[in-house]
N, C-alpha and C. Protein backbone atom coordinates (compact mmCIF):
# COMPACT_ATOMS: atom_id res chain seq x y z
N MET A 1 -19.19 63.19 -37.23
CA MET A 1 -20.23 63.27 -36.23
C MET A 1 -21.29 64.25 -36.75
N ASN A 2 -22.55 63.81 -36.71
CA ASN A 2 -23.59 64.71 -37.23
C ASN A 2 -24.01 65.74 -36.17
N GLU A 3 -24.77 66.71 -36.59
CA GLU A 3 -25.13 67.84 -35.73
C GLU A 3 -26.00 67.41 -34.55
N VAL A 4 -26.87 66.43 -34.73
CA VAL A 4 -27.74 65.96 -33.64
C VAL A 4 -26.89 65.38 -32.51
N ILE A 5 -25.94 64.55 -32.87
CA ILE A 5 -25.07 63.94 -31.85
C ILE A 5 -24.22 65.01 -31.18
N ARG A 6 -23.66 65.91 -31.95
CA ARG A 6 -22.84 66.99 -31.39
C ARG A 6 -23.65 67.83 -30.40
N SER A 7 -24.89 68.15 -30.75
CA SER A 7 -25.76 68.94 -29.87
C SER A 7 -26.05 68.19 -28.57
N ARG A 8 -26.32 66.90 -28.69
CA ARG A 8 -26.62 66.08 -27.51
C ARG A 8 -25.41 66.02 -26.58
N ILE A 9 -24.24 65.85 -27.14
CA ILE A 9 -23.01 65.81 -26.33
C ILE A 9 -22.81 67.14 -25.60
N GLU A 10 -23.04 68.23 -26.28
CA GLU A 10 -22.89 69.55 -25.66
C GLU A 10 -23.89 69.74 -24.53
N GLN A 11 -25.13 69.28 -24.71
CA GLN A 11 -26.13 69.37 -23.65
C GLN A 11 -25.66 68.60 -22.41
N ILE A 12 -25.18 67.39 -22.63
CA ILE A 12 -24.73 66.56 -21.50
C ILE A 12 -23.54 67.22 -20.81
N ARG A 13 -22.62 67.79 -21.56
CA ARG A 13 -21.47 68.49 -20.96
C ARG A 13 -21.90 69.66 -20.09
N ARG A 14 -23.01 70.30 -20.46
CA ARG A 14 -23.54 71.42 -19.67
C ARG A 14 -24.40 70.94 -18.50
N GLY A 15 -24.57 69.62 -18.37
CA GLY A 15 -25.38 69.07 -17.30
C GLY A 15 -26.86 69.02 -17.62
N GLU A 16 -27.22 69.32 -18.85
CA GLU A 16 -28.62 69.25 -19.28
C GLU A 16 -28.94 67.82 -19.70
N VAL A 17 -30.21 67.44 -19.52
CA VAL A 17 -30.64 66.09 -19.88
C VAL A 17 -31.39 66.16 -21.21
N PRO A 18 -30.79 65.64 -22.28
CA PRO A 18 -31.44 65.68 -23.59
C PRO A 18 -32.69 64.80 -23.63
N GLU A 19 -33.55 65.05 -24.58
CA GLU A 19 -34.74 64.22 -24.77
C GLU A 19 -34.31 62.78 -25.03
N GLY A 20 -34.99 61.85 -24.35
CA GLY A 20 -34.66 60.43 -24.51
C GLY A 20 -33.59 59.95 -23.54
N TYR A 21 -33.17 60.83 -22.62
CA TYR A 21 -32.13 60.49 -21.65
C TYR A 21 -32.65 60.73 -20.24
N LYS A 22 -31.95 60.20 -19.24
CA LYS A 22 -32.30 60.41 -17.84
C LYS A 22 -31.03 60.59 -17.03
N LYS A 23 -31.16 61.26 -15.89
CA LYS A 23 -30.02 61.49 -15.00
C LYS A 23 -30.01 60.40 -13.94
N THR A 24 -28.86 59.76 -13.75
CA THR A 24 -28.71 58.70 -12.74
C THR A 24 -27.44 58.98 -11.93
N LYS A 25 -27.18 58.13 -10.94
CA LYS A 25 -25.93 58.25 -10.18
C LYS A 25 -24.71 58.07 -11.08
N ALA A 26 -24.87 57.28 -12.13
CA ALA A 26 -23.77 57.02 -13.06
C ALA A 26 -23.58 58.15 -14.06
N GLY A 27 -24.52 59.06 -14.12
CA GLY A 27 -24.46 60.16 -15.08
C GLY A 27 -25.71 60.20 -15.94
N ILE A 28 -25.66 60.90 -17.04
CA ILE A 28 -26.80 61.01 -17.96
C ILE A 28 -26.71 59.87 -18.96
N VAL A 29 -27.76 59.04 -18.99
CA VAL A 29 -27.75 57.82 -19.81
C VAL A 29 -29.05 57.72 -20.60
N PRO A 30 -29.08 56.90 -21.67
CA PRO A 30 -30.33 56.71 -22.41
C PRO A 30 -31.45 56.18 -21.51
N GLU A 31 -32.69 56.61 -21.75
CA GLU A 31 -33.83 56.21 -20.92
C GLU A 31 -34.01 54.70 -20.86
N GLU A 32 -33.68 54.00 -21.96
CA GLU A 32 -33.91 52.55 -21.97
C GLU A 32 -32.89 51.76 -21.14
N TRP A 33 -31.83 52.41 -20.70
CA TRP A 33 -30.86 51.71 -19.86
C TRP A 33 -31.49 51.42 -18.51
N GLU A 34 -31.21 50.23 -17.98
CA GLU A 34 -31.71 49.84 -16.67
C GLU A 34 -30.60 50.01 -15.63
N ASN A 35 -31.01 50.26 -14.39
CA ASN A 35 -30.05 50.37 -13.29
C ASN A 35 -29.74 48.99 -12.73
N TYR A 36 -28.47 48.71 -12.51
CA TYR A 36 -28.02 47.46 -11.91
C TYR A 36 -27.00 47.76 -10.83
N HIS A 37 -26.94 46.89 -9.84
CA HIS A 37 -25.86 46.95 -8.86
C HIS A 37 -24.63 46.30 -9.49
N PHE A 38 -23.45 46.72 -9.06
CA PHE A 38 -22.23 46.15 -9.61
C PHE A 38 -22.21 44.63 -9.46
N TYR A 39 -22.68 44.12 -8.32
CA TYR A 39 -22.63 42.68 -8.11
C TYR A 39 -23.54 41.92 -9.07
N ASP A 40 -24.46 42.61 -9.74
CA ASP A 40 -25.29 41.97 -10.77
C ASP A 40 -24.58 41.91 -12.12
N LEU A 41 -23.50 42.64 -12.28
CA LEU A 41 -22.81 42.74 -13.57
C LEU A 41 -21.54 41.90 -13.66
N PHE A 42 -20.97 41.54 -12.51
CA PHE A 42 -19.67 40.88 -12.49
C PHE A 42 -19.70 39.54 -11.76
N VAL A 43 -18.74 38.70 -12.11
CA VAL A 43 -18.57 37.40 -11.46
C VAL A 43 -17.10 37.30 -11.04
N PRO A 44 -16.84 37.03 -9.75
CA PRO A 44 -15.44 36.87 -9.34
C PRO A 44 -14.86 35.58 -9.92
N TYR A 45 -13.56 35.57 -10.12
CA TYR A 45 -12.86 34.37 -10.60
C TYR A 45 -11.67 34.18 -9.67
N ASN A 46 -11.55 33.00 -9.08
CA ASN A 46 -10.56 32.80 -8.03
C ASN A 46 -9.89 31.44 -8.13
N LYS A 47 -9.17 31.21 -9.21
CA LYS A 47 -8.43 29.95 -9.39
C LYS A 47 -6.95 30.22 -9.15
N HIS A 48 -6.32 29.37 -8.34
CA HIS A 48 -4.92 29.56 -7.98
C HIS A 48 -4.01 28.58 -8.71
N THR A 49 -2.73 28.94 -8.78
CA THR A 49 -1.74 28.07 -9.42
C THR A 49 -0.35 28.39 -8.87
N GLN A 50 0.55 27.44 -9.03
CA GLN A 50 1.99 27.64 -8.80
C GLN A 50 2.75 27.34 -10.08
N GLU A 51 2.03 27.00 -11.14
CA GLU A 51 2.63 26.55 -12.39
C GLU A 51 3.02 27.73 -13.29
N LEU A 52 4.15 28.33 -12.98
CA LEU A 52 4.60 29.49 -13.75
C LEU A 52 5.05 29.11 -15.16
N ASP A 53 5.34 27.83 -15.39
CA ASP A 53 5.68 27.39 -16.74
C ASP A 53 4.45 27.34 -17.62
N LEU A 54 3.32 27.02 -17.03
CA LEU A 54 2.06 26.92 -17.76
C LEU A 54 1.37 28.28 -17.89
N TYR A 55 1.46 29.07 -16.84
CA TYR A 55 0.82 30.39 -16.80
C TYR A 55 1.89 31.45 -16.56
N PRO A 56 2.32 32.17 -17.59
CA PRO A 56 3.36 33.20 -17.41
C PRO A 56 2.93 34.24 -16.38
N LEU A 57 3.89 34.73 -15.63
CA LEU A 57 3.62 35.71 -14.58
C LEU A 57 3.52 37.12 -15.16
N TYR A 58 2.41 37.76 -14.87
CA TYR A 58 2.15 39.13 -15.32
C TYR A 58 1.92 40.02 -14.11
N SER A 59 1.88 41.30 -14.34
CA SER A 59 1.64 42.27 -13.29
C SER A 59 0.62 43.29 -13.77
N LEU A 60 0.15 44.10 -12.86
CA LEU A 60 -0.80 45.16 -13.19
C LEU A 60 -0.15 46.50 -12.88
N THR A 61 -0.12 47.37 -13.89
CA THR A 61 0.37 48.73 -13.66
C THR A 61 -0.73 49.70 -14.06
N ILE A 62 -0.76 50.82 -13.40
CA ILE A 62 -1.76 51.84 -13.72
C ILE A 62 -1.51 52.38 -15.12
N GLU A 63 -0.24 52.51 -15.50
CA GLU A 63 0.10 53.09 -16.80
C GLU A 63 -0.20 52.16 -17.97
N ASN A 64 0.11 50.86 -17.82
CA ASN A 64 0.05 49.93 -18.96
C ASN A 64 -0.93 48.78 -18.80
N GLY A 65 -1.66 48.74 -17.70
CA GLY A 65 -2.61 47.64 -17.50
C GLY A 65 -1.90 46.34 -17.16
N VAL A 66 -2.44 45.23 -17.64
CA VAL A 66 -1.90 43.90 -17.36
C VAL A 66 -0.75 43.65 -18.34
N THR A 67 0.47 43.52 -17.80
CA THR A 67 1.66 43.38 -18.65
C THR A 67 2.57 42.27 -18.12
N ALA A 68 3.38 41.73 -19.02
CA ALA A 68 4.33 40.69 -18.63
C ALA A 68 5.27 41.22 -17.56
N LYS A 69 5.52 40.40 -16.56
CA LYS A 69 6.41 40.80 -15.47
C LYS A 69 7.85 40.63 -15.94
N THR A 70 8.64 41.66 -15.78
CA THR A 70 10.03 41.60 -16.21
C THR A 70 10.90 41.03 -15.10
N GLY A 71 12.10 40.59 -15.46
CA GLY A 71 13.04 40.05 -14.49
C GLY A 71 13.36 41.02 -13.38
N ARG A 72 13.32 42.30 -13.69
CA ARG A 72 13.62 43.34 -12.71
C ARG A 72 12.68 43.26 -11.51
N TYR A 73 11.45 42.84 -11.76
CA TYR A 73 10.46 42.80 -10.68
C TYR A 73 10.16 41.37 -10.24
N GLU A 74 11.03 40.44 -10.55
CA GLU A 74 10.84 39.05 -10.17
C GLU A 74 10.94 38.91 -8.66
N ARG A 75 9.86 38.45 -8.05
CA ARG A 75 9.84 38.31 -6.59
C ARG A 75 9.32 36.94 -6.17
N SER A 76 9.31 35.97 -7.08
CA SER A 76 8.73 34.67 -6.74
C SER A 76 9.46 34.02 -5.57
N HIS A 77 10.74 34.37 -5.36
CA HIS A 77 11.48 33.80 -4.23
C HIS A 77 10.91 34.27 -2.89
N LEU A 78 10.13 35.33 -2.90
CA LEU A 78 9.51 35.83 -1.67
C LEU A 78 8.20 35.10 -1.34
N VAL A 79 7.67 34.39 -2.31
CA VAL A 79 6.38 33.73 -2.14
C VAL A 79 6.57 32.43 -1.38
N LYS A 80 5.91 32.29 -0.25
CA LYS A 80 6.05 31.11 0.60
C LYS A 80 4.84 30.19 0.51
N LYS A 81 3.69 30.74 0.18
CA LYS A 81 2.44 29.99 0.17
C LYS A 81 2.26 29.22 -1.13
N GLU A 82 1.81 27.97 -1.03
CA GLU A 82 1.46 27.21 -2.23
C GLU A 82 0.27 27.88 -2.91
N GLU A 83 0.21 27.75 -4.21
CA GLU A 83 -0.88 28.33 -5.01
C GLU A 83 -1.04 29.83 -4.73
N ALA A 84 0.07 30.53 -4.70
CA ALA A 84 0.04 31.95 -4.35
C ALA A 84 -0.31 32.86 -5.52
N TYR A 85 -0.44 32.30 -6.72
CA TYR A 85 -0.76 33.11 -7.89
C TYR A 85 -2.18 32.83 -8.34
N LYS A 86 -2.79 33.81 -8.96
CA LYS A 86 -4.15 33.64 -9.48
C LYS A 86 -4.12 33.60 -11.00
N ILE A 87 -4.92 32.71 -11.56
CA ILE A 87 -5.02 32.57 -13.01
C ILE A 87 -5.93 33.66 -13.56
N VAL A 88 -5.53 34.22 -14.70
CA VAL A 88 -6.30 35.25 -15.39
C VAL A 88 -6.58 34.75 -16.80
N ARG A 89 -7.85 34.77 -17.19
CA ARG A 89 -8.25 34.35 -18.53
C ARG A 89 -8.36 35.57 -19.43
N PRO A 90 -8.31 35.36 -20.75
CA PRO A 90 -8.53 36.49 -21.65
C PRO A 90 -9.85 37.20 -21.32
N ASN A 91 -9.81 38.51 -21.28
CA ASN A 91 -10.95 39.40 -20.99
C ASN A 91 -11.36 39.46 -19.53
N ASP A 92 -10.63 38.80 -18.64
CA ASP A 92 -10.86 38.99 -17.21
C ASP A 92 -10.34 40.37 -16.81
N PHE A 93 -10.94 40.94 -15.78
CA PHE A 93 -10.45 42.19 -15.21
C PHE A 93 -9.60 41.87 -13.99
N VAL A 94 -8.54 42.62 -13.81
CA VAL A 94 -7.62 42.46 -12.68
C VAL A 94 -7.58 43.79 -11.94
N TYR A 95 -7.66 43.73 -10.61
CA TYR A 95 -7.47 44.98 -9.87
C TYR A 95 -6.69 44.73 -8.60
N ASN A 96 -6.01 45.78 -8.18
CA ASN A 96 -5.23 45.76 -6.96
C ASN A 96 -6.04 46.52 -5.90
N PRO A 97 -6.59 45.81 -4.91
CA PRO A 97 -7.43 46.47 -3.91
C PRO A 97 -6.74 47.63 -3.19
N MET A 98 -5.43 47.53 -3.00
CA MET A 98 -4.71 48.59 -2.28
C MET A 98 -4.50 49.84 -3.13
N ASN A 99 -4.58 49.70 -4.44
CA ASN A 99 -4.34 50.85 -5.32
C ASN A 99 -5.51 51.14 -6.25
N LEU A 100 -6.67 50.59 -5.94
CA LEU A 100 -7.83 50.81 -6.80
C LEU A 100 -8.16 52.29 -6.90
N ARG A 101 -8.01 53.00 -5.81
CA ARG A 101 -8.37 54.43 -5.83
C ARG A 101 -7.47 55.26 -6.75
N PHE A 102 -6.37 54.65 -7.20
CA PHE A 102 -5.49 55.32 -8.17
C PHE A 102 -5.77 54.83 -9.60
N GLY A 103 -6.73 53.93 -9.73
CA GLY A 103 -7.07 53.42 -11.06
C GLY A 103 -6.41 52.11 -11.41
N ALA A 104 -5.99 51.33 -10.42
CA ALA A 104 -5.31 50.06 -10.67
C ALA A 104 -6.32 48.96 -10.98
N VAL A 105 -6.94 49.08 -12.16
CA VAL A 105 -7.88 48.07 -12.65
C VAL A 105 -7.74 48.04 -14.18
N SER A 106 -7.72 46.83 -14.74
CA SER A 106 -7.55 46.73 -16.19
C SER A 106 -8.05 45.37 -16.68
N ARG A 107 -8.49 45.35 -17.92
CA ARG A 107 -8.89 44.10 -18.56
C ARG A 107 -7.67 43.49 -19.23
N TYR A 108 -7.50 42.17 -19.06
CA TYR A 108 -6.41 41.46 -19.73
C TYR A 108 -6.83 41.21 -21.16
N LYS A 109 -6.08 41.76 -22.11
CA LYS A 109 -6.45 41.71 -23.52
C LYS A 109 -5.67 40.66 -24.31
N GLY A 110 -4.91 39.82 -23.63
CA GLY A 110 -4.13 38.78 -24.30
C GLY A 110 -5.00 37.60 -24.72
N ASP A 111 -4.37 36.64 -25.39
CA ASP A 111 -5.09 35.48 -25.92
C ASP A 111 -4.93 34.22 -25.08
N ASN A 112 -3.93 34.17 -24.20
CA ASN A 112 -3.65 32.97 -23.42
C ASN A 112 -3.80 33.25 -21.94
N ARG A 113 -4.06 32.20 -21.18
CA ARG A 113 -4.16 32.35 -19.73
C ARG A 113 -2.80 32.70 -19.15
N ILE A 114 -2.83 33.51 -18.11
CA ILE A 114 -1.62 33.96 -17.43
C ILE A 114 -1.87 33.85 -15.93
N CYS A 115 -0.91 34.25 -15.12
CA CYS A 115 -1.16 34.36 -13.68
C CYS A 115 -0.62 35.69 -13.17
N VAL A 116 -1.17 36.11 -12.05
CA VAL A 116 -0.76 37.34 -11.38
C VAL A 116 -0.63 37.07 -9.90
N SER A 117 -0.11 38.00 -9.18
CA SER A 117 0.02 37.89 -7.73
C SER A 117 -1.32 37.54 -7.09
N GLY A 118 -1.26 36.73 -6.05
CA GLY A 118 -2.46 36.37 -5.31
C GLY A 118 -3.10 37.54 -4.59
N TYR A 119 -2.39 38.67 -4.52
CA TYR A 119 -2.95 39.86 -3.88
C TYR A 119 -3.95 40.58 -4.77
N TYR A 120 -3.91 40.31 -6.05
CA TYR A 120 -4.86 40.93 -6.98
C TYR A 120 -6.19 40.19 -6.94
N ASP A 121 -7.26 40.89 -7.25
CA ASP A 121 -8.57 40.27 -7.40
C ASP A 121 -8.91 40.20 -8.88
N ILE A 122 -9.60 39.13 -9.26
CA ILE A 122 -9.94 38.88 -10.66
C ILE A 122 -11.46 38.76 -10.77
N PHE A 123 -12.02 39.35 -11.82
CA PHE A 123 -13.45 39.21 -12.07
C PHE A 123 -13.71 39.34 -13.56
N THR A 124 -14.89 38.97 -13.98
CA THR A 124 -15.28 39.13 -15.37
C THR A 124 -16.71 39.65 -15.42
N THR A 125 -17.12 40.13 -16.57
CA THR A 125 -18.49 40.59 -16.73
C THR A 125 -19.39 39.39 -16.99
N LYS A 126 -20.64 39.49 -16.59
CA LYS A 126 -21.60 38.42 -16.87
C LYS A 126 -21.97 38.39 -18.34
N HIS A 127 -21.81 39.52 -19.02
CA HIS A 127 -22.18 39.62 -20.44
C HIS A 127 -21.00 40.15 -21.23
N ASN A 128 -20.53 39.40 -22.22
CA ASN A 128 -19.38 39.84 -23.02
C ASN A 128 -19.64 41.17 -23.72
N SER A 129 -20.90 41.48 -23.97
CA SER A 129 -21.22 42.75 -24.64
C SER A 129 -20.82 43.95 -23.80
N ASP A 130 -20.59 43.75 -22.51
CA ASP A 130 -20.24 44.85 -21.61
C ASP A 130 -18.73 45.13 -21.55
N LEU A 131 -17.91 44.31 -22.19
CA LEU A 131 -16.45 44.41 -22.02
C LEU A 131 -15.89 45.79 -22.35
N LEU A 132 -16.17 46.29 -23.53
CA LEU A 132 -15.59 47.57 -23.94
C LEU A 132 -16.10 48.73 -23.09
N PHE A 133 -17.40 48.69 -22.76
CA PHE A 133 -17.94 49.74 -21.91
C PHE A 133 -17.26 49.71 -20.54
N MET A 134 -17.14 48.53 -19.95
CA MET A 134 -16.52 48.41 -18.63
C MET A 134 -15.04 48.77 -18.68
N ASP A 135 -14.38 48.46 -19.80
CA ASP A 135 -12.99 48.89 -19.99
C ASP A 135 -12.86 50.38 -19.74
N TYR A 136 -13.76 51.13 -20.31
CA TYR A 136 -13.75 52.58 -20.15
C TYR A 136 -14.26 52.98 -18.76
N TYR A 137 -15.42 52.48 -18.39
CA TYR A 137 -16.11 52.97 -17.20
C TYR A 137 -15.34 52.72 -15.91
N LEU A 138 -14.74 51.54 -15.77
CA LEU A 138 -14.04 51.21 -14.53
C LEU A 138 -12.83 52.09 -14.26
N THR A 139 -12.30 52.73 -15.30
CA THR A 139 -11.16 53.63 -15.11
C THR A 139 -11.50 55.09 -15.41
N SER A 140 -12.79 55.37 -15.53
CA SER A 140 -13.22 56.75 -15.81
C SER A 140 -12.98 57.63 -14.58
N ASP A 141 -12.90 58.93 -14.81
CA ASP A 141 -12.71 59.87 -13.71
C ASP A 141 -13.79 59.70 -12.65
N LYS A 142 -15.02 59.49 -13.08
CA LYS A 142 -16.14 59.32 -12.15
C LYS A 142 -15.90 58.13 -11.21
N MET A 143 -15.40 57.01 -11.75
CA MET A 143 -15.15 55.84 -10.92
C MET A 143 -13.93 56.03 -10.03
N ILE A 144 -12.91 56.70 -10.51
CA ILE A 144 -11.73 56.96 -9.67
C ILE A 144 -12.14 57.79 -8.45
N VAL A 145 -12.99 58.78 -8.66
CA VAL A 145 -13.51 59.58 -7.54
C VAL A 145 -14.29 58.69 -6.59
N TYR A 146 -15.11 57.79 -7.13
CA TYR A 146 -15.89 56.87 -6.30
C TYR A 146 -14.97 55.95 -5.50
N TYR A 147 -13.99 55.33 -6.15
CA TYR A 147 -13.06 54.44 -5.43
C TYR A 147 -12.37 55.20 -4.31
N ASN A 148 -11.99 56.43 -4.56
CA ASN A 148 -11.31 57.23 -3.55
C ASN A 148 -12.23 57.50 -2.36
N LYS A 149 -13.51 57.71 -2.63
CA LYS A 149 -14.47 57.98 -1.54
C LYS A 149 -14.67 56.77 -0.65
N VAL A 150 -14.68 55.58 -1.24
CA VAL A 150 -15.01 54.38 -0.45
C VAL A 150 -13.78 53.64 0.06
N SER A 151 -12.59 54.04 -0.36
CA SER A 151 -11.39 53.30 0.06
C SER A 151 -11.03 53.66 1.50
N THR A 152 -10.54 52.64 2.18
CA THR A 152 -10.03 52.85 3.54
C THR A 152 -8.79 51.99 3.70
N GLY A 153 -7.85 52.49 4.44
CA GLY A 153 -6.66 51.71 4.74
C GLY A 153 -5.64 51.65 3.61
N SER A 154 -5.85 52.39 2.53
CA SER A 154 -4.89 52.38 1.43
C SER A 154 -3.68 53.23 1.78
N LEU A 155 -2.54 52.82 1.25
CA LEU A 155 -1.33 53.62 1.43
C LEU A 155 -1.30 54.73 0.41
N ILE A 156 -0.82 55.88 0.80
CA ILE A 156 -0.64 56.98 -0.14
C ILE A 156 0.81 56.94 -0.60
N GLU A 157 1.01 56.86 -1.92
CA GLU A 157 2.37 56.77 -2.46
C GLU A 157 2.85 58.12 -2.92
């Protein structure tokens, strides 16, 4: 890392706005960045399935993100509704609305389509160039604080 970048990072850590940057609700960002509402950046995805042979069942954990569901947590016998699972495509984001304030959001990094509980919500970015940034930003401390501020009705574990 060169000295210019190191100096700029230190300024931002002190809350100072370096030349060529601006302060926004999201933090200190380059001046050329434009402000967007979240709904302008994401597209919901809501396809259902019951075909567990075609779409392996996965789960979302705060610790490991989107992971294969093990036999220990097999609960398909409890599912009564047809099409109770949602399909997840590679690079889709999965989140649990009841645990979002704890950081229960993750991008699925696998290569094949899978399915998750119908209780999860699925979305993707409108621009693939945003994937890595959103990977970080959606689980950043700043966003966890935001989710906690706006959440209502969540259970405390």
